[in-house]
Amino acid sequence: MGLKRTDEFRQDAVRIALTSGLTRKQVADDLGVGMSTLNKWITAHPLPGSACLHA
């Protein structure tokens, strides 16, 4: 089983993915998580006031 990430880590990952200008692949690789995991977090925890676009 994979490493359990904190809610704060997940929220930071979502913020980075949606605001950094990096691709989701780059963000996932940099943070050591899978693309599907990052995409699930983005769907579950969108930034307040932002539209959740699926890439």
PDB file of N, CA and C in Angstrom:
ATOM      1  N   MET A   1       0.851  -1.182   0.000  1.00  0.00           N
ATOM      2  CA  MET A   1       0.000   0.000   0.000  1.00  0.00           C
ATOM      3  C   MET A   1       0.887   1.232   0.000  1.00  0.00           C
ATOM      4  N   GLY A   2       0.419   2.300  -0.664  1.00  0.00           N
ATOM      5  CA  GLY A   2       1.196   3.527  -0.800  1.00  0.00           C
ATOM      6  C   GLY A   2       1.210   4.346   0.478  1.00  0.00           C
ATOM      7  N   LEU A   3       1.995   5.391   0.437  1.00  0.00           N
ATOM      8  CA  LEU A   3       2.144   6.304   1.557  1.00  0.00           C
ATOM      9  C   LEU A   3       0.881   7.139   1.722  1.00  0.00           C
ATOM     10  N   LYS A   4       0.397   7.268   2.950  1.00  0.00           N
ATOM     11  CA  LYS A   4      -0.785   8.086   3.237  1.00  0.00           C
ATOM     12  C   LYS A   4      -0.359   9.550   3.296  1.00  0.00           C
ATOM     13  N   ARG A   5      -0.965  10.378   2.470  1.00  0.00           N
ATOM     14  CA  ARG A   5      -0.647  11.803   2.417  1.00  0.00           C
ATOM     15  C   ARG A   5      -1.625  12.586   3.277  1.00  0.00           C
ATOM     16  N   THR A   6      -1.133  13.657   3.904  1.00  0.00           N
ATOM     17  CA  THR A   6      -2.002  14.486   4.741  1.00  0.00           C
ATOM     18  C   THR A   6      -2.917  15.341   3.870  1.00  0.00           C
ATOM     19  N   ASP A   7      -3.997  15.829   4.466  1.00  0.00           N
ATOM     20  CA  ASP A   7      -4.903  16.728   3.747  1.00  0.00           C
ATOM     21  C   ASP A   7      -4.164  17.982   3.300  1.00  0.00           C
ATOM     22  N   GLU A   8      -3.248  18.465   4.132  1.00  0.00           N
ATOM     23  CA  GLU A   8      -2.485  19.660   3.776  1.00  0.00           C
ATOM     24  C   GLU A   8      -1.623  19.398   2.534  1.00  0.00           C
ATOM     25  N   PHE A   9      -0.990  18.235   2.484  1.00  0.00           N
ATOM     26  CA  PHE A   9      -0.183  17.876   1.315  1.00  0.00           C
ATOM     27  C   PHE A   9      -1.068  17.827   0.070  1.00  0.00           C
ATOM     28  N   ARG A  10      -2.226  17.212   0.187  1.00  0.00           N
ATOM     29  CA  ARG A  10      -3.149  17.108  -0.952  1.00  0.00           C
ATOM     30  C   ARG A  10      -3.593  18.482  -1.426  1.00  0.00           C
ATOM     31  N   GLN A  11      -3.949  19.353  -0.481  1.00  0.00           N
ATOM     32  CA  GLN A  11      -4.388  20.701  -0.846  1.00  0.00           C
ATOM     33  C   GLN A  11      -3.261  21.483  -1.519  1.00  0.00           C
ATOM     34  N   ASP A  12      -2.044  21.348  -1.010  1.00  0.00           N
ATOM     35  CA  ASP A  12      -0.901  22.015  -1.630  1.00  0.00           C
ATOM     36  C   ASP A  12      -0.656  21.471  -3.037  1.00  0.00           C
ATOM     37  N   ALA A  13      -0.792  20.170  -3.198  1.00  0.00           N
ATOM     38  CA  ALA A  13      -0.607  19.562  -4.514  1.00  0.00           C
ATOM     39  C   ALA A  13      -1.634  20.096  -5.505  1.00  0.00           C
ATOM     40  N   VAL A  14      -2.874  20.220  -5.077  1.00  0.00           N
ATOM     41  CA  VAL A  14      -3.934  20.753  -5.940  1.00  0.00           C
ATOM     42  C   VAL A  14      -3.620  22.200  -6.302  1.00  0.00           C
ATOM     43  N   ARG A  15      -3.230  22.998  -5.324  1.00  0.00           N
ATOM     44  CA  ARG A  15      -2.905  24.405  -5.574  1.00  0.00           C
ATOM     45  C   ARG A  15      -1.763  24.520  -6.583  1.00  0.00           C
ATOM     46  N   ILE A  16      -0.724  23.729  -6.397  1.00  0.00           N
ATOM     47  CA  ILE A  16       0.413  23.755  -7.318  1.00  0.00           C
ATOM     48  C   ILE A  16      -0.023  23.340  -8.713  1.00  0.00           C
ATOM     49  N   ALA A  17      -0.801  22.271  -8.797  1.00  0.00           N
ATOM     50  CA  ALA A  17      -1.231  21.758 -10.102  1.00  0.00           C
ATOM     51  C   ALA A  17      -2.083  22.777 -10.867  1.00  0.00           C
ATOM     52  N   LEU A  18      -2.906  23.534 -10.152  1.00  0.00           N
ATOM     53  CA  LEU A  18      -3.829  24.448 -10.811  1.00  0.00           C
ATOM     54  C   LEU A  18      -3.276  25.854 -11.020  1.00  0.00           C
ATOM     55  N   THR A  19      -2.199  26.209 -10.327  1.00  0.00           N
ATOM     56  CA  THR A  19      -1.728  27.594 -10.405  1.00  0.00           C
ATOM     57  C   THR A  19      -0.288  27.754 -10.877  1.00  0.00           C
ATOM     58  N   SER A  20       0.482  26.685 -10.933  1.00  0.00           N
ATOM     59  CA  SER A  20       1.919  26.821 -11.201  1.00  0.00           C
ATOM     60  C   SER A  20       2.274  27.004 -12.666  1.00  0.00           C
ATOM     61  N   GLY A  21       1.384  26.602 -13.562  1.00  0.00           N
ATOM     62  CA  GLY A  21       1.714  26.635 -14.981  1.00  0.00           C
ATOM     63  C   GLY A  21       2.432  25.379 -15.444  1.00  0.00           C
ATOM     64  N   LEU A  22       2.745  24.482 -14.510  1.00  0.00           N
ATOM     65  CA  LEU A  22       3.353  23.200 -14.860  1.00  0.00           C
ATOM     66  C   LEU A  22       2.261  22.234 -15.307  1.00  0.00           C
ATOM     67  N   THR A  23       2.656  21.229 -16.066  1.00  0.00           N
ATOM     68  CA  THR A  23       1.692  20.197 -16.427  1.00  0.00           C
ATOM     69  C   THR A  23       1.390  19.354 -15.198  1.00  0.00           C
ATOM     70  N   ARG A  24       0.249  18.708 -15.221  1.00  0.00           N
ATOM     71  CA  ARG A  24      -0.095  17.814 -14.104  1.00  0.00           C
ATOM     72  C   ARG A  24       0.925  16.689 -13.994  1.00  0.00           C
ATOM     73  N   LYS A  25       1.429  16.227 -15.126  1.00  0.00           N
ATOM     74  CA  LYS A  25       2.453  15.174 -15.122  1.00  0.00           C
ATOM     75  C   LYS A  25       3.692  15.651 -14.378  1.00  0.00           C
ATOM     76  N   GLN A  26       4.124  16.886 -14.651  1.00  0.00           N
ATOM     77  CA  GLN A  26       5.301  17.427 -13.979  1.00  0.00           C
ATOM     78  C   GLN A  26       5.068  17.546 -12.476  1.00  0.00           C
ATOM     79  N   VAL A  27       3.902  18.046 -12.103  1.00  0.00           N
ATOM     80  CA  VAL A  27       3.583  18.209 -10.689  1.00  0.00           C
ATOM     81  C   VAL A  27       3.551  16.847  -9.999  1.00  0.00           C
ATOM     82  N   ALA A  28       2.882  15.888 -10.614  1.00  0.00           N
ATOM     83  CA  ALA A  28       2.797  14.547 -10.026  1.00  0.00           C
ATOM     84  C   ALA A  28       4.194  13.949  -9.848  1.00  0.00           C
ATOM     85  N   ASP A  29       5.029  14.055 -10.877  1.00  0.00           N
ATOM     86  CA  ASP A  29       6.385  13.522 -10.791  1.00  0.00           C
ATOM     87  C   ASP A  29       7.187  14.227  -9.698  1.00  0.00           C
ATOM     88  N   ASP A  30       7.100  15.548  -9.651  1.00  0.00           N
ATOM     89  CA  ASP A  30       7.842  16.324  -8.647  1.00  0.00           C
ATOM     90  C   ASP A  30       7.432  15.964  -7.227  1.00  0.00           C
ATOM     91  N   LEU A  31       6.148  15.663  -7.039  1.00  0.00           N
ATOM     92  CA  LEU A  31       5.646  15.357  -5.697  1.00  0.00           C
ATOM     93  C   LEU A  31       5.709  13.865  -5.361  1.00  0.00           C
ATOM     94  N   GLY A  32       6.047  13.055  -6.347  1.00  0.00           N
ATOM     95  CA  GLY A  32       6.157  11.621  -6.099  1.00  0.00           C
ATOM     96  C   GLY A  32       4.830  10.910  -5.977  1.00  0.00           C
ATOM     97  N   VAL A  33       3.829  11.420  -6.703  1.00  0.00           N
ATOM     98  CA  VAL A  33       2.518  10.761  -6.714  1.00  0.00           C
ATOM     99  C   VAL A  33       2.160  10.427  -8.155  1.00  0.00           C
ATOM    100  N   GLY A  34       1.212   9.536  -8.323  1.00  0.00           N
ATOM    101  CA  GLY A  34       0.770   9.165  -9.652  1.00  0.00           C
ATOM    102  C   GLY A  34      -0.174  10.205 -10.240  1.00  0.00           C
ATOM    103  N   MET A  35      -0.239  10.220 -11.564  1.00  0.00           N
ATOM    104  CA  MET A  35      -1.145  11.142 -12.258  1.00  0.00           C
ATOM    105  C   MET A  35      -2.596  10.915 -11.840  1.00  0.00           C
ATOM    106  N   SER A  36      -3.009   9.651 -11.768  1.00  0.00           N
ATOM    107  CA  SER A  36      -4.404   9.374 -11.405  1.00  0.00           C
ATOM    108  C   SER A  36      -4.697   9.848  -9.982  1.00  0.00           C
ATOM    109  N   THR A  37      -3.722   9.717  -9.093  1.00  0.00           N
ATOM    110  CA  THR A  37      -3.894  10.185  -7.721  1.00  0.00           C
ATOM    111  C   THR A  37      -4.059  11.697  -7.693  1.00  0.00           C
ATOM    112  N   LEU A  38      -3.184  12.405  -8.394  1.00  0.00           N
ATOM    113  CA  LEU A  38      -3.280  13.863  -8.439  1.00  0.00           C
ATOM    114  C   LEU A  38      -4.615  14.295  -9.035  1.00  0.00           C
ATOM    115  N   ASN A  39      -5.035  13.652 -10.102  1.00  0.00           N
ATOM    116  CA  ASN A  39      -6.316  14.004 -10.723  1.00  0.00           C
ATOM    117  C   ASN A  39      -7.493  13.757  -9.777  1.00  0.00           C
ATOM    118  N   LYS A  40      -7.436  12.691  -8.997  1.00  0.00           N
ATOM    119  CA  LYS A  40      -8.494  12.425  -8.011  1.00  0.00           C
ATOM    120  C   LYS A  40      -8.529  13.519  -6.959  1.00  0.00           C
ATOM    121  N   TRP A  41      -7.357  13.953  -6.500  1.00  0.00           N
ATOM    122  CA  TRP A  41      -7.295  15.021  -5.505  1.00  0.00           C
ATOM    123  C   TRP A  41      -7.873  16.314  -6.066  1.00  0.00           C
ATOM    124  N   ILE A  42      -7.556  16.624  -7.322  1.00  0.00           N
ATOM    125  CA  ILE A  42      -8.046  17.852  -7.948  1.00  0.00           C
ATOM    126  C   ILE A  42      -9.571  17.807  -8.056  1.00  0.00           C
ATOM    127  N   THR A  43     -10.107  16.662  -8.405  1.00  0.00           N
ATOM    128  CA  THR A  43     -11.559  16.508  -8.501  1.00  0.00           C
ATOM    129  C   THR A  43     -12.215  16.632  -7.125  1.00  0.00           C
ATOM    130  N   ALA A  44     -11.588  16.049  -6.115  1.00  0.00           N
ATOM    131  CA  ALA A  44     -12.162  16.036  -4.770  1.00  0.00           C
ATOM    132  C   ALA A  44     -11.965  17.351  -4.020  1.00  0.00           C
ATOM    133  N   HIS A  45     -10.887  18.079  -4.333  1.00  0.00           N
ATOM    134  CA  HIS A  45     -10.536  19.283  -3.579  1.00  0.00           C
ATOM    135  C   HIS A  45     -10.186  20.439  -4.496  1.00  0.00           C
ATOM    136  N   PRO A  46     -11.134  20.903  -5.327  1.00  0.00           N
ATOM    137  CA  PRO A  46     -10.810  22.037  -6.203  1.00  0.00           C
ATOM    138  C   PRO A  46     -10.554  23.292  -5.377  1.00  0.00           C
ATOM    139  N   LEU A  47      -9.758  24.194  -5.916  1.00  0.00           N
ATOM    140  CA  LEU A  47      -9.501  25.452  -5.226  1.00  0.00           C
ATOM    141  C   LEU A  47     -10.787  26.262  -5.155  1.00  0.00           C
ATOM    142  N   PRO A  48     -11.017  26.956  -4.058  1.00  0.00           N
ATOM    143  CA  PRO A  48     -12.218  27.794  -3.958  1.00  0.00           C
ATOM    144  C   PRO A  48     -12.226  28.840  -5.072  1.00  0.00           C
ATOM    145  N   GLY A  49     -13.365  28.979  -5.725  1.00  0.00           N
ATOM    146  CA  GLY A  49     -13.504  29.972  -6.774  1.00  0.00           C
ATOM    147  C   GLY A  49     -12.898  29.596  -8.102  1.00  0.00           C
ATOM    148  N   SER A  50     -12.417  28.364  -8.241  1.00  0.00           N
ATOM    149  CA  SER A  50     -11.820  27.969  -9.515  1.00  0.00           C
ATOM    150  C   SER A  50     -12.689  26.913 -10.188  1.00  0.00           C
ATOM    151  N   ALA A  51     -12.668  26.928 -11.482  1.00  0.00           N
ATOM    152  CA  ALA A  51     -13.358  25.895 -12.251  1.00  0.00           C
ATOM    153  C   ALA A  51     -12.423  24.702 -12.345  1.00  0.00           C
ATOM    154  N   CYS A  52     -12.938  23.540 -12.135  1.00  0.00           N
ATOM    155  CA  CYS A  52     -12.130  22.329 -12.206  1.00  0.00           C
ATOM    156  C   CYS A  52     -12.151  21.807 -13.639  1.00  0.00           C
ATOM    157  N   LEU A  53     -11.043  21.964 -14.325  1.00  0.00           N
ATOM    158  CA  LEU A  53     -10.937  21.495 -15.698  1.00  0.00           C
ATOM    159  C   LEU A  53     -10.195  20.175 -15.710  1.00  0.00           C
ATOM    160  N   HIS A  54     -10.707  19.218 -16.396  1.00  0.00           N
ATOM    161  CA  HIS A  54     -10.064  17.913 -16.473  1.00  0.00           C
ATOM    162  C   HIS A  54      -9.143  17.886 -17.670  1.00  0.00           C
ATOM    163  N   ALA A  55      -7.875  17.518 -17.409  1.00  0.00           N
ATOM    164  CA  ALA A  55      -6.893  17.443 -18.505  1.00  0.00           C
ATOM    165  C   ALA A  55      -6.501  16.015 -18.752  1.00  0.00           C
TER     166      ALA A  55
END
